[in-house]
């Protein structure tokens, strides 16, 4: 939640986060009032509510991708960035999939791939939101770029479109 708050304040100005919280239903807004702490858990539906409210208020069609890239920069430490230069996107994303539960209490990742491609499937996540998948796609692509490669990540299957899992596929050179 802290990365979202910082992104919104940097991209759209001071007070944006608080203004968007006021647009949420009371049960979602309550958890986000006051100081946002990096160690607290926040309801994922309130998190998504803020993103949807931000898109509606700003009209920024690229908000989801911009936030995904910002979140990768925010969440990956300087030490991890250094280490990333000596790994592959596959190495990093396997570990990121195992760390998913540090941020979410539902969903399981299965990541597989080869020398220059990967496939990650997220199943059982409590959220079905195609726009949130845009955040994940951008996060994965930006994190992969931090390893020093160039490539692309696509989202060919989505639970919001009836698939059994959200699938993210990428390649790099």
N, C-alpha and C. Protein backbone atom coordinates (compact mmCIF):
# COMPACT_ATOMS: atom_id res chain seq x y z
N UNK A 1 0.82 -1.19 0.00
CA UNK A 1 0.00 0.00 0.00
C UNK A 1 0.87 1.26 0.00
N UNK A 2 2.02 1.19 0.67
CA UNK A 2 2.89 2.34 0.72
C UNK A 2 3.39 2.73 -0.67
N UNK A 3 3.72 1.74 -1.49
CA UNK A 3 4.18 2.06 -2.85
C UNK A 3 3.06 2.73 -3.64
N UNK A 4 1.82 2.29 -3.45
CA UNK A 4 0.69 2.90 -4.16
C UNK A 4 0.50 4.34 -3.71
N UNK A 5 0.56 4.55 -2.42
CA UNK A 5 0.40 5.92 -1.90
C UNK A 5 1.48 6.83 -2.46
N UNK A 6 2.73 6.38 -2.44
CA UNK A 6 3.82 7.20 -2.94
C UNK A 6 3.68 7.46 -4.44
N UNK A 7 3.31 6.43 -5.19
CA UNK A 7 3.11 6.60 -6.63
C UNK A 7 2.06 7.67 -6.90
N UNK A 8 0.92 7.57 -6.24
CA UNK A 8 -0.16 8.52 -6.47
C UNK A 8 0.24 9.94 -6.11
N UNK A 9 0.95 10.11 -5.00
CA UNK A 9 1.37 11.44 -4.58
C UNK A 9 2.40 12.02 -5.55
N UNK A 10 3.33 11.19 -6.03
CA UNK A 10 4.33 11.67 -6.98
C UNK A 10 3.72 11.96 -8.35
N UNK A 11 2.81 11.11 -8.79
CA UNK A 11 2.24 11.24 -10.13
C UNK A 11 1.15 12.31 -10.22
N UNK A 12 0.35 12.47 -9.16
CA UNK A 12 -0.83 13.32 -9.26
C UNK A 12 -0.90 14.41 -8.19
N UNK A 13 0.10 14.49 -7.32
CA UNK A 13 0.16 15.57 -6.36
C UNK A 13 -0.21 15.18 -4.94
N UNK A 14 0.24 16.02 -4.02
CA UNK A 14 -0.02 15.80 -2.60
C UNK A 14 -1.52 15.77 -2.34
N UNK A 15 -1.93 14.90 -1.46
CA UNK A 15 -3.33 14.77 -1.07
C UNK A 15 -4.14 13.84 -1.95
N UNK A 16 -3.54 13.33 -3.02
CA UNK A 16 -4.29 12.45 -3.94
C UNK A 16 -4.78 11.20 -3.24
N UNK A 17 -3.91 10.55 -2.48
CA UNK A 17 -4.28 9.30 -1.82
C UNK A 17 -5.49 9.52 -0.90
N UNK A 18 -5.42 10.54 -0.04
CA UNK A 18 -6.51 10.81 0.90
C UNK A 18 -7.81 11.13 0.15
N UNK A 19 -7.71 11.89 -0.92
CA UNK A 19 -8.90 12.23 -1.72
C UNK A 19 -9.54 10.97 -2.31
N UNK A 20 -8.69 10.04 -2.77
CA UNK A 20 -9.21 8.80 -3.34
C UNK A 20 -9.80 7.89 -2.27
N UNK A 21 -9.22 7.87 -1.09
CA UNK A 21 -9.77 7.08 0.02
C UNK A 21 -11.20 7.52 0.29
N UNK A 22 -11.46 8.80 0.22
CA UNK A 22 -12.81 9.32 0.49
C UNK A 22 -13.83 8.88 -0.57
N UNK A 23 -13.35 8.44 -1.72
CA UNK A 23 -14.25 7.96 -2.78
C UNK A 23 -14.63 6.50 -2.60
N UNK A 24 -13.96 5.80 -1.70
CA UNK A 24 -14.20 4.37 -1.49
C UNK A 24 -15.43 4.13 -0.62
N UNK A 25 -16.03 2.94 -0.72
CA UNK A 25 -17.08 2.57 0.23
C UNK A 25 -16.51 2.60 1.65
N UNK A 26 -17.31 2.94 2.65
CA UNK A 26 -16.82 3.09 4.02
C UNK A 26 -16.02 1.89 4.54
N UNK A 27 -16.46 0.67 4.22
CA UNK A 27 -15.77 -0.52 4.73
C UNK A 27 -14.36 -0.66 4.14
N UNK A 28 -14.14 -0.14 2.94
CA UNK A 28 -12.79 -0.16 2.34
C UNK A 28 -11.96 1.03 2.83
N UNK A 29 -12.59 2.18 2.93
CA UNK A 29 -11.88 3.40 3.31
C UNK A 29 -11.31 3.34 4.72
N UNK A 30 -12.04 2.71 5.64
CA UNK A 30 -11.64 2.71 7.05
C UNK A 30 -10.22 2.16 7.24
N UNK A 31 -9.89 1.10 6.54
CA UNK A 31 -8.57 0.47 6.70
C UNK A 31 -7.43 1.35 6.18
N UNK A 32 -7.74 2.34 5.36
CA UNK A 32 -6.71 3.15 4.71
C UNK A 32 -6.55 4.55 5.30
N UNK A 33 -7.36 4.86 6.28
CA UNK A 33 -7.25 6.19 6.90
C UNK A 33 -6.07 6.22 7.86
N UNK A 34 -5.45 7.37 7.96
CA UNK A 34 -4.32 7.51 8.88
C UNK A 34 -3.01 7.20 8.20
N UNK A 35 -2.05 6.77 8.98
CA UNK A 35 -0.70 6.51 8.47
C UNK A 35 -0.65 5.13 7.83
N UNK A 36 -0.16 5.10 6.59
CA UNK A 36 0.03 3.82 5.90
C UNK A 36 1.41 3.30 6.29
N UNK A 37 1.43 2.14 6.92
CA UNK A 37 2.68 1.56 7.39
C UNK A 37 3.12 0.41 6.48
N UNK A 38 4.42 0.29 6.21
CA UNK A 38 4.89 -0.77 5.31
C UNK A 38 4.75 -2.17 5.88
N UNK A 39 4.57 -2.30 7.20
CA UNK A 39 4.48 -3.62 7.81
C UNK A 39 3.05 -4.09 8.02
N UNK A 40 2.08 -3.22 7.76
CA UNK A 40 0.67 -3.60 7.95
C UNK A 40 0.13 -4.31 6.71
N UNK A 41 -0.87 -5.16 6.95
CA UNK A 41 -1.62 -5.79 5.87
C UNK A 41 -2.84 -4.92 5.60
N UNK A 42 -3.15 -4.72 4.34
CA UNK A 42 -4.32 -3.93 3.94
C UNK A 42 -5.19 -4.78 3.03
N UNK A 43 -6.51 -4.61 3.11
CA UNK A 43 -7.41 -5.41 2.27
C UNK A 43 -7.15 -5.17 0.78
N UNK A 44 -7.03 -6.25 0.04
CA UNK A 44 -6.71 -6.14 -1.38
C UNK A 44 -7.83 -5.42 -2.13
N UNK A 45 -9.07 -5.55 -1.69
CA UNK A 45 -10.16 -4.87 -2.37
C UNK A 45 -10.10 -3.35 -2.16
N UNK A 46 -9.60 -2.91 -1.01
CA UNK A 46 -9.39 -1.48 -0.80
C UNK A 46 -8.25 -0.97 -1.69
N UNK A 47 -7.20 -1.77 -1.81
CA UNK A 47 -6.08 -1.45 -2.69
C UNK A 47 -6.57 -1.27 -4.12
N UNK A 48 -7.37 -2.23 -4.60
CA UNK A 48 -7.90 -2.14 -5.96
C UNK A 48 -8.90 -1.00 -6.09
N UNK A 49 -9.65 -0.74 -5.03
CA UNK A 49 -10.58 0.39 -5.06
C UNK A 49 -9.86 1.71 -5.29
N UNK A 50 -8.71 1.86 -4.64
CA UNK A 50 -7.90 3.08 -4.84
C UNK A 50 -7.44 3.18 -6.29
N UNK A 51 -6.95 2.07 -6.85
CA UNK A 51 -6.49 2.09 -8.24
C UNK A 51 -7.63 2.44 -9.20
N UNK A 52 -8.79 1.83 -9.01
CA UNK A 52 -9.93 2.13 -9.88
C UNK A 52 -10.37 3.59 -9.72
N UNK A 53 -10.38 4.08 -8.48
CA UNK A 53 -10.75 5.48 -8.24
C UNK A 53 -9.73 6.42 -8.88
N UNK A 54 -8.45 6.07 -8.82
CA UNK A 54 -7.40 6.90 -9.43
C UNK A 54 -7.57 6.97 -10.94
N UNK A 55 -7.89 5.83 -11.55
CA UNK A 55 -8.11 5.84 -13.00
C UNK A 55 -9.32 6.71 -13.35
N UNK A 56 -10.39 6.57 -12.59
CA UNK A 56 -11.60 7.35 -12.86
C UNK A 56 -11.34 8.85 -12.69
N UNK A 57 -10.60 9.20 -11.65
CA UNK A 57 -10.36 10.62 -11.37
C UNK A 57 -9.37 11.24 -12.35
N UNK A 58 -8.33 10.52 -12.70
CA UNK A 58 -7.27 11.10 -13.53
C UNK A 58 -7.49 10.89 -15.02
N UNK A 59 -8.23 9.85 -15.39
CA UNK A 59 -8.37 9.53 -16.81
C UNK A 59 -7.10 8.97 -17.42
N UNK A 60 -6.14 8.60 -16.58
CA UNK A 60 -4.85 8.09 -17.04
C UNK A 60 -4.99 6.64 -17.48
N UNK A 61 -5.01 6.41 -18.78
CA UNK A 61 -5.19 5.06 -19.33
C UNK A 61 -4.01 4.15 -19.04
N UNK A 62 -2.84 4.71 -18.80
CA UNK A 62 -1.63 3.92 -18.53
C UNK A 62 -1.34 3.77 -17.04
N UNK A 63 -2.23 4.21 -16.19
CA UNK A 63 -2.00 4.19 -14.75
C UNK A 63 -1.60 2.81 -14.25
N UNK A 64 -2.26 1.77 -14.70
CA UNK A 64 -2.02 0.41 -14.21
C UNK A 64 -0.60 -0.04 -14.53
N UNK A 65 -0.14 0.21 -15.75
CA UNK A 65 1.22 -0.17 -16.14
C UNK A 65 2.26 0.71 -15.45
N UNK A 66 1.97 2.00 -15.35
CA UNK A 66 2.92 2.91 -14.69
C UNK A 66 3.08 2.53 -13.22
N UNK A 67 1.97 2.19 -12.57
CA UNK A 67 2.09 1.78 -11.17
C UNK A 67 2.83 0.44 -11.05
N UNK A 68 2.58 -0.50 -11.94
CA UNK A 68 3.29 -1.79 -11.88
C UNK A 68 4.80 -1.62 -11.96
N UNK A 69 5.27 -0.78 -12.89
CA UNK A 69 6.71 -0.52 -13.01
C UNK A 69 7.23 0.20 -11.78
N UNK A 70 6.47 1.17 -11.27
CA UNK A 70 6.86 1.91 -10.07
C UNK A 70 6.98 0.97 -8.88
N UNK A 71 6.01 0.08 -8.73
CA UNK A 71 6.01 -0.86 -7.61
C UNK A 71 7.22 -1.78 -7.66
N UNK A 72 7.60 -2.23 -8.85
CA UNK A 72 8.80 -3.07 -8.97
C UNK A 72 10.03 -2.30 -8.50
N UNK A 73 10.16 -1.06 -8.94
CA UNK A 73 11.29 -0.21 -8.51
C UNK A 73 11.28 -0.03 -6.99
N UNK A 74 10.11 0.21 -6.44
CA UNK A 74 9.96 0.47 -5.01
C UNK A 74 10.26 -0.77 -4.18
N UNK A 75 9.77 -1.91 -4.62
CA UNK A 75 9.83 -3.12 -3.80
C UNK A 75 11.14 -3.89 -3.92
N UNK A 76 11.88 -3.67 -4.98
CA UNK A 76 13.14 -4.39 -5.16
C UNK A 76 14.27 -3.52 -4.63
N UNK A 77 14.93 -4.00 -3.60
CA UNK A 77 15.96 -3.21 -2.92
C UNK A 77 17.20 -3.01 -3.77
N UNK A 78 18.04 -2.07 -3.36
CA UNK A 78 19.30 -1.80 -4.08
C UNK A 78 20.17 -3.05 -4.12
N UNK A 79 20.23 -3.80 -3.02
CA UNK A 79 21.03 -5.02 -3.01
C UNK A 79 20.47 -6.03 -4.00
N UNK A 80 19.15 -6.19 -4.00
CA UNK A 80 18.53 -7.13 -4.94
C UNK A 80 18.80 -6.71 -6.38
N UNK A 81 18.80 -5.41 -6.66
CA UNK A 81 19.09 -4.92 -8.01
C UNK A 81 20.50 -5.30 -8.43
N UNK A 82 21.43 -5.18 -7.50
CA UNK A 82 22.81 -5.56 -7.80
C UNK A 82 22.87 -7.06 -8.12
N UNK A 83 22.25 -7.86 -7.30
CA UNK A 83 22.24 -9.31 -7.51
C UNK A 83 21.54 -9.67 -8.83
N UNK A 84 20.49 -8.94 -9.16
CA UNK A 84 19.74 -9.21 -10.39
C UNK A 84 20.61 -9.15 -11.63
N UNK A 85 21.63 -8.34 -11.62
CA UNK A 85 22.51 -8.20 -12.78
C UNK A 85 23.26 -9.50 -13.08
N UNK A 86 23.30 -10.40 -12.12
CA UNK A 86 24.03 -11.66 -12.29
C UNK A 86 23.09 -12.86 -12.39
N UNK A 87 21.81 -12.58 -12.57
CA UNK A 87 20.83 -13.66 -12.66
C UNK A 87 20.03 -13.50 -13.96
N UNK A 88 19.02 -14.33 -14.09
CA UNK A 88 18.11 -14.23 -15.24
C UNK A 88 16.73 -13.86 -14.73
N UNK A 89 15.85 -13.41 -15.62
CA UNK A 89 14.48 -13.17 -15.19
C UNK A 89 13.84 -14.42 -14.58
N UNK A 90 14.16 -15.58 -15.12
CA UNK A 90 13.59 -16.83 -14.61
C UNK A 90 14.00 -17.05 -13.15
N UNK A 91 15.28 -16.88 -12.86
CA UNK A 91 15.79 -17.04 -11.50
C UNK A 91 15.06 -16.11 -10.54
N UNK A 92 14.97 -14.85 -10.93
CA UNK A 92 14.35 -13.86 -10.07
C UNK A 92 12.85 -14.13 -9.89
N UNK A 93 12.14 -14.41 -10.97
CA UNK A 93 10.69 -14.58 -10.87
C UNK A 93 10.29 -15.85 -10.14
N UNK A 94 11.13 -16.87 -10.17
CA UNK A 94 10.85 -18.05 -9.35
C UNK A 94 10.85 -17.66 -7.88
N UNK A 95 11.81 -16.86 -7.48
CA UNK A 95 11.89 -16.43 -6.09
C UNK A 95 10.77 -15.45 -5.74
N UNK A 96 10.44 -14.57 -6.68
CA UNK A 96 9.34 -13.63 -6.44
C UNK A 96 8.03 -14.38 -6.25
N UNK A 97 7.82 -15.45 -7.00
CA UNK A 97 6.61 -16.26 -6.84
C UNK A 97 6.52 -16.87 -5.45
N UNK A 98 7.68 -17.26 -4.91
CA UNK A 98 7.70 -17.83 -3.56
C UNK A 98 7.47 -16.76 -2.49
N UNK A 99 7.78 -15.51 -2.83
CA UNK A 99 7.61 -14.41 -1.87
C UNK A 99 6.20 -13.80 -1.93
N UNK A 100 5.37 -14.25 -2.83
CA UNK A 100 4.03 -13.71 -3.03
C UNK A 100 3.27 -13.58 -1.71
N UNK A 101 3.41 -14.57 -0.84
CA UNK A 101 2.63 -14.58 0.41
C UNK A 101 3.12 -13.57 1.44
N UNK A 102 4.21 -12.90 1.16
CA UNK A 102 4.59 -11.79 2.03
C UNK A 102 3.67 -10.60 1.81
N UNK A 103 3.00 -10.57 0.66
CA UNK A 103 2.15 -9.45 0.29
C UNK A 103 0.67 -9.82 0.15
N UNK A 104 0.39 -11.10 -0.07
CA UNK A 104 -0.99 -11.54 -0.32
C UNK A 104 -1.28 -12.81 0.48
N UNK A 105 -2.54 -12.95 0.92
CA UNK A 105 -2.90 -14.13 1.70
C UNK A 105 -3.65 -15.17 0.87
N UNK A 106 -3.70 -14.99 -0.44
CA UNK A 106 -4.28 -16.00 -1.32
C UNK A 106 -3.48 -16.03 -2.62
N UNK A 107 -3.64 -17.11 -3.35
CA UNK A 107 -2.97 -17.26 -4.64
C UNK A 107 -1.67 -18.04 -4.55
N UNK A 108 -1.42 -18.82 -5.59
CA UNK A 108 -0.20 -19.61 -5.70
C UNK A 108 0.39 -19.41 -7.10
N UNK A 109 1.70 -19.23 -7.16
CA UNK A 109 2.41 -19.08 -8.43
C UNK A 109 3.07 -20.39 -8.82
N UNK A 110 3.00 -20.69 -10.10
CA UNK A 110 3.79 -21.77 -10.68
C UNK A 110 4.56 -21.13 -11.83
N UNK A 111 5.88 -21.12 -11.71
CA UNK A 111 6.74 -20.48 -12.70
C UNK A 111 7.61 -21.54 -13.35
N UNK A 112 7.65 -21.52 -14.67
CA UNK A 112 8.50 -22.45 -15.41
C UNK A 112 9.07 -21.73 -16.62
N UNK A 113 10.15 -22.23 -17.15
CA UNK A 113 10.73 -21.58 -18.32
C UNK A 113 12.05 -22.19 -18.71
N UNK A 114 12.70 -21.52 -19.63
CA UNK A 114 13.97 -21.98 -20.16
C UNK A 114 14.96 -20.84 -20.28
N UNK A 115 15.86 -20.97 -21.24
CA UNK A 115 16.96 -20.02 -21.38
C UNK A 115 16.50 -18.59 -21.63
N UNK A 116 15.48 -18.40 -22.42
CA UNK A 116 15.07 -17.03 -22.73
C UNK A 116 13.55 -16.84 -22.73
N UNK A 117 12.86 -17.66 -21.95
CA UNK A 117 11.42 -17.49 -21.86
C UNK A 117 10.93 -17.99 -20.49
N UNK A 118 9.74 -17.54 -20.13
CA UNK A 118 9.14 -18.00 -18.88
C UNK A 118 7.63 -17.99 -19.02
N UNK A 119 7.01 -18.74 -18.14
CA UNK A 119 5.56 -18.79 -18.04
C UNK A 119 5.24 -18.86 -16.56
N UNK A 120 4.45 -17.91 -16.09
CA UNK A 120 4.01 -17.92 -14.71
C UNK A 120 2.50 -17.98 -14.65
N UNK A 121 1.96 -18.87 -13.84
CA UNK A 121 0.52 -19.00 -13.69
C UNK A 121 0.16 -18.71 -12.23
N UNK A 122 -0.75 -17.78 -12.05
CA UNK A 122 -1.26 -17.43 -10.73
C UNK A 122 -2.66 -18.00 -10.60
N UNK A 123 -2.85 -18.92 -9.67
CA UNK A 123 -4.16 -19.53 -9.45
C UNK A 123 -4.57 -19.32 -7.99
N UNK A 124 -5.87 -19.32 -7.77
CA UNK A 124 -6.40 -19.23 -6.42
C UNK A 124 -6.30 -17.87 -5.77
N UNK A 125 -5.98 -16.83 -6.52
CA UNK A 125 -5.92 -15.48 -5.96
C UNK A 125 -7.34 -14.99 -5.73
N UNK A 126 -7.58 -14.34 -4.60
CA UNK A 126 -8.94 -13.92 -4.24
C UNK A 126 -9.47 -12.81 -5.13
N UNK A 127 -8.64 -12.22 -5.94
CA UNK A 127 -9.04 -11.11 -6.80
C UNK A 127 -9.13 -11.58 -8.25
N UNK A 128 -10.23 -11.23 -8.88
CA UNK A 128 -10.38 -11.43 -10.32
C UNK A 128 -10.62 -10.04 -10.89
N UNK A 129 -9.57 -9.44 -11.44
CA UNK A 129 -9.64 -8.08 -11.94
C UNK A 129 -8.63 -7.93 -13.08
N UNK A 130 -9.12 -7.85 -14.29
CA UNK A 130 -8.25 -7.80 -15.46
C UNK A 130 -7.31 -6.59 -15.41
N UNK A 131 -7.75 -5.50 -14.83
CA UNK A 131 -6.88 -4.33 -14.76
C UNK A 131 -5.74 -4.57 -13.77
N UNK A 132 -5.99 -5.28 -12.69
CA UNK A 132 -4.89 -5.59 -11.77
C UNK A 132 -3.86 -6.48 -12.46
N UNK A 133 -4.30 -7.31 -13.36
CA UNK A 133 -3.36 -8.13 -14.13
C UNK A 133 -2.43 -7.26 -14.96
N UNK A 134 -2.88 -6.08 -15.34
CA UNK A 134 -2.00 -5.13 -16.05
C UNK A 134 -0.88 -4.66 -15.12
N UNK A 135 -1.19 -4.48 -13.84
CA UNK A 135 -0.15 -4.12 -12.85
C UNK A 135 0.87 -5.25 -12.77
N UNK A 136 0.40 -6.48 -12.64
CA UNK A 136 1.30 -7.63 -12.52
C UNK A 136 2.16 -7.79 -13.77
N UNK A 137 1.57 -7.62 -14.94
CA UNK A 137 2.34 -7.73 -16.19
C UNK A 137 3.45 -6.70 -16.21
N UNK A 138 3.14 -5.46 -15.88
CA UNK A 138 4.15 -4.40 -15.88
C UNK A 138 5.21 -4.65 -14.80
N UNK A 139 4.81 -5.15 -13.64
CA UNK A 139 5.76 -5.44 -12.56
C UNK A 139 6.75 -6.51 -13.02
N UNK A 140 6.22 -7.59 -13.60
CA UNK A 140 7.08 -8.68 -14.07
C UNK A 140 8.03 -8.18 -15.14
N UNK A 141 7.51 -7.42 -16.10
CA UNK A 141 8.36 -6.93 -17.18
C UNK A 141 9.45 -6.01 -16.64
N UNK A 142 9.10 -5.10 -15.75
CA UNK A 142 10.09 -4.17 -15.21
C UNK A 142 11.13 -4.90 -14.35
N UNK A 143 10.67 -5.86 -13.56
CA UNK A 143 11.62 -6.64 -12.75
C UNK A 143 12.57 -7.41 -13.64
N UNK A 144 12.05 -7.98 -14.73
CA UNK A 144 12.92 -8.71 -15.67
C UNK A 144 13.95 -7.77 -16.28
N UNK A 145 13.54 -6.57 -16.63
CA UNK A 145 14.47 -5.60 -17.20
C UNK A 145 15.57 -5.23 -16.22
N UNK A 146 15.27 -5.31 -14.93
CA UNK A 146 16.28 -5.00 -13.92
C UNK A 146 17.41 -6.03 -13.92
N UNK A 147 17.19 -7.19 -14.54
CA UNK A 147 18.27 -8.17 -14.64
C UNK A 147 19.19 -7.83 -15.81
N UNK A 148 18.85 -6.80 -16.58
CA UNK A 148 19.69 -6.36 -17.68
C UNK A 148 19.28 -6.91 -19.04
N UNK A 149 18.14 -7.55 -19.13
CA UNK A 149 17.70 -8.11 -20.41
C UNK A 149 16.65 -7.20 -21.04
N UNK A 150 16.39 -7.47 -22.30
CA UNK A 150 15.31 -6.79 -23.02
C UNK A 150 14.34 -7.85 -23.49
N UNK A 151 13.08 -7.60 -23.29
CA UNK A 151 12.08 -8.57 -23.68
C UNK A 151 10.69 -8.03 -23.49
N UNK A 152 9.76 -8.93 -23.42
CA UNK A 152 8.36 -8.55 -23.34
C UNK A 152 7.59 -9.57 -22.51
N UNK A 153 6.57 -9.11 -21.83
CA UNK A 153 5.70 -9.97 -21.05
C UNK A 153 4.27 -9.76 -21.54
N UNK A 154 3.56 -10.85 -21.74
CA UNK A 154 2.16 -10.82 -22.18
C UNK A 154 1.30 -11.55 -21.16
N UNK A 155 0.02 -11.31 -21.23
CA UNK A 155 -0.95 -11.94 -20.32
C UNK A 155 -2.00 -12.65 -21.18
N UNK A 156 -1.66 -13.83 -21.72
CA UNK A 156 -2.56 -14.48 -22.68
C UNK A 156 -3.80 -15.12 -22.07
N UNK A 157 -3.78 -15.46 -20.80
CA UNK A 157 -4.94 -16.09 -20.16
C UNK A 157 -5.24 -15.36 -18.86
N UNK A 158 -6.53 -15.09 -18.64
CA UNK A 158 -6.93 -14.33 -17.46
C UNK A 158 -8.21 -14.92 -16.88
N UNK A 159 -8.26 -15.01 -15.57
CA UNK A 159 -9.47 -15.49 -14.91
C UNK A 159 -10.65 -14.57 -15.20
N UNK A 160 -10.38 -13.28 -15.40
CA UNK A 160 -11.46 -12.34 -15.72
C UNK A 160 -12.06 -12.62 -17.10
N UNK A 161 -11.33 -13.38 -17.93
CA UNK A 161 -11.83 -13.77 -19.25
C UNK A 161 -12.20 -15.25 -19.28
N UNK A 162 -12.36 -15.87 -18.10
CA UNK A 162 -12.83 -17.25 -18.01
C UNK A 162 -11.76 -18.32 -17.90
N UNK A 163 -10.50 -17.96 -17.88
CA UNK A 163 -9.42 -18.95 -17.76
C UNK A 163 -9.36 -19.47 -16.31
N UNK A 164 -8.82 -20.68 -16.11
CA UNK A 164 -8.72 -21.22 -14.75
C UNK A 164 -7.63 -20.54 -13.91
N UNK A 165 -6.67 -19.88 -14.57
CA UNK A 165 -5.58 -19.19 -13.87
C UNK A 165 -5.15 -18.00 -14.73
N UNK A 166 -4.51 -17.04 -14.10
CA UNK A 166 -3.93 -15.92 -14.84
C UNK A 166 -2.51 -16.34 -15.24
N UNK A 167 -2.26 -16.30 -16.54
CA UNK A 167 -0.97 -16.73 -17.08
C UNK A 167 -0.23 -15.53 -17.64
N UNK A 168 1.05 -15.45 -17.30
CA UNK A 168 1.93 -14.39 -17.78
C UNK A 168 3.08 -15.08 -18.50
N UNK A 169 3.31 -14.70 -19.74
CA UNK A 169 4.35 -15.33 -20.55
C UNK A 169 5.32 -14.26 -21.00
N UNK A 170 6.61 -14.58 -20.92
CA UNK A 170 7.61 -13.59 -21.32
C UNK A 170 8.76 -14.22 -22.06
N UNK A 171 9.45 -13.39 -22.82
CA UNK A 171 10.67 -13.79 -23.53
C UNK A 171 11.67 -12.64 -23.39
N UNK A 172 12.93 -12.94 -23.56
CA UNK A 172 13.96 -11.91 -23.48
C UNK A 172 15.17 -12.30 -24.29
N UNK A 173 16.00 -11.28 -24.55
CA UNK A 173 17.27 -11.49 -25.27
C UNK A 173 18.39 -10.99 -24.43
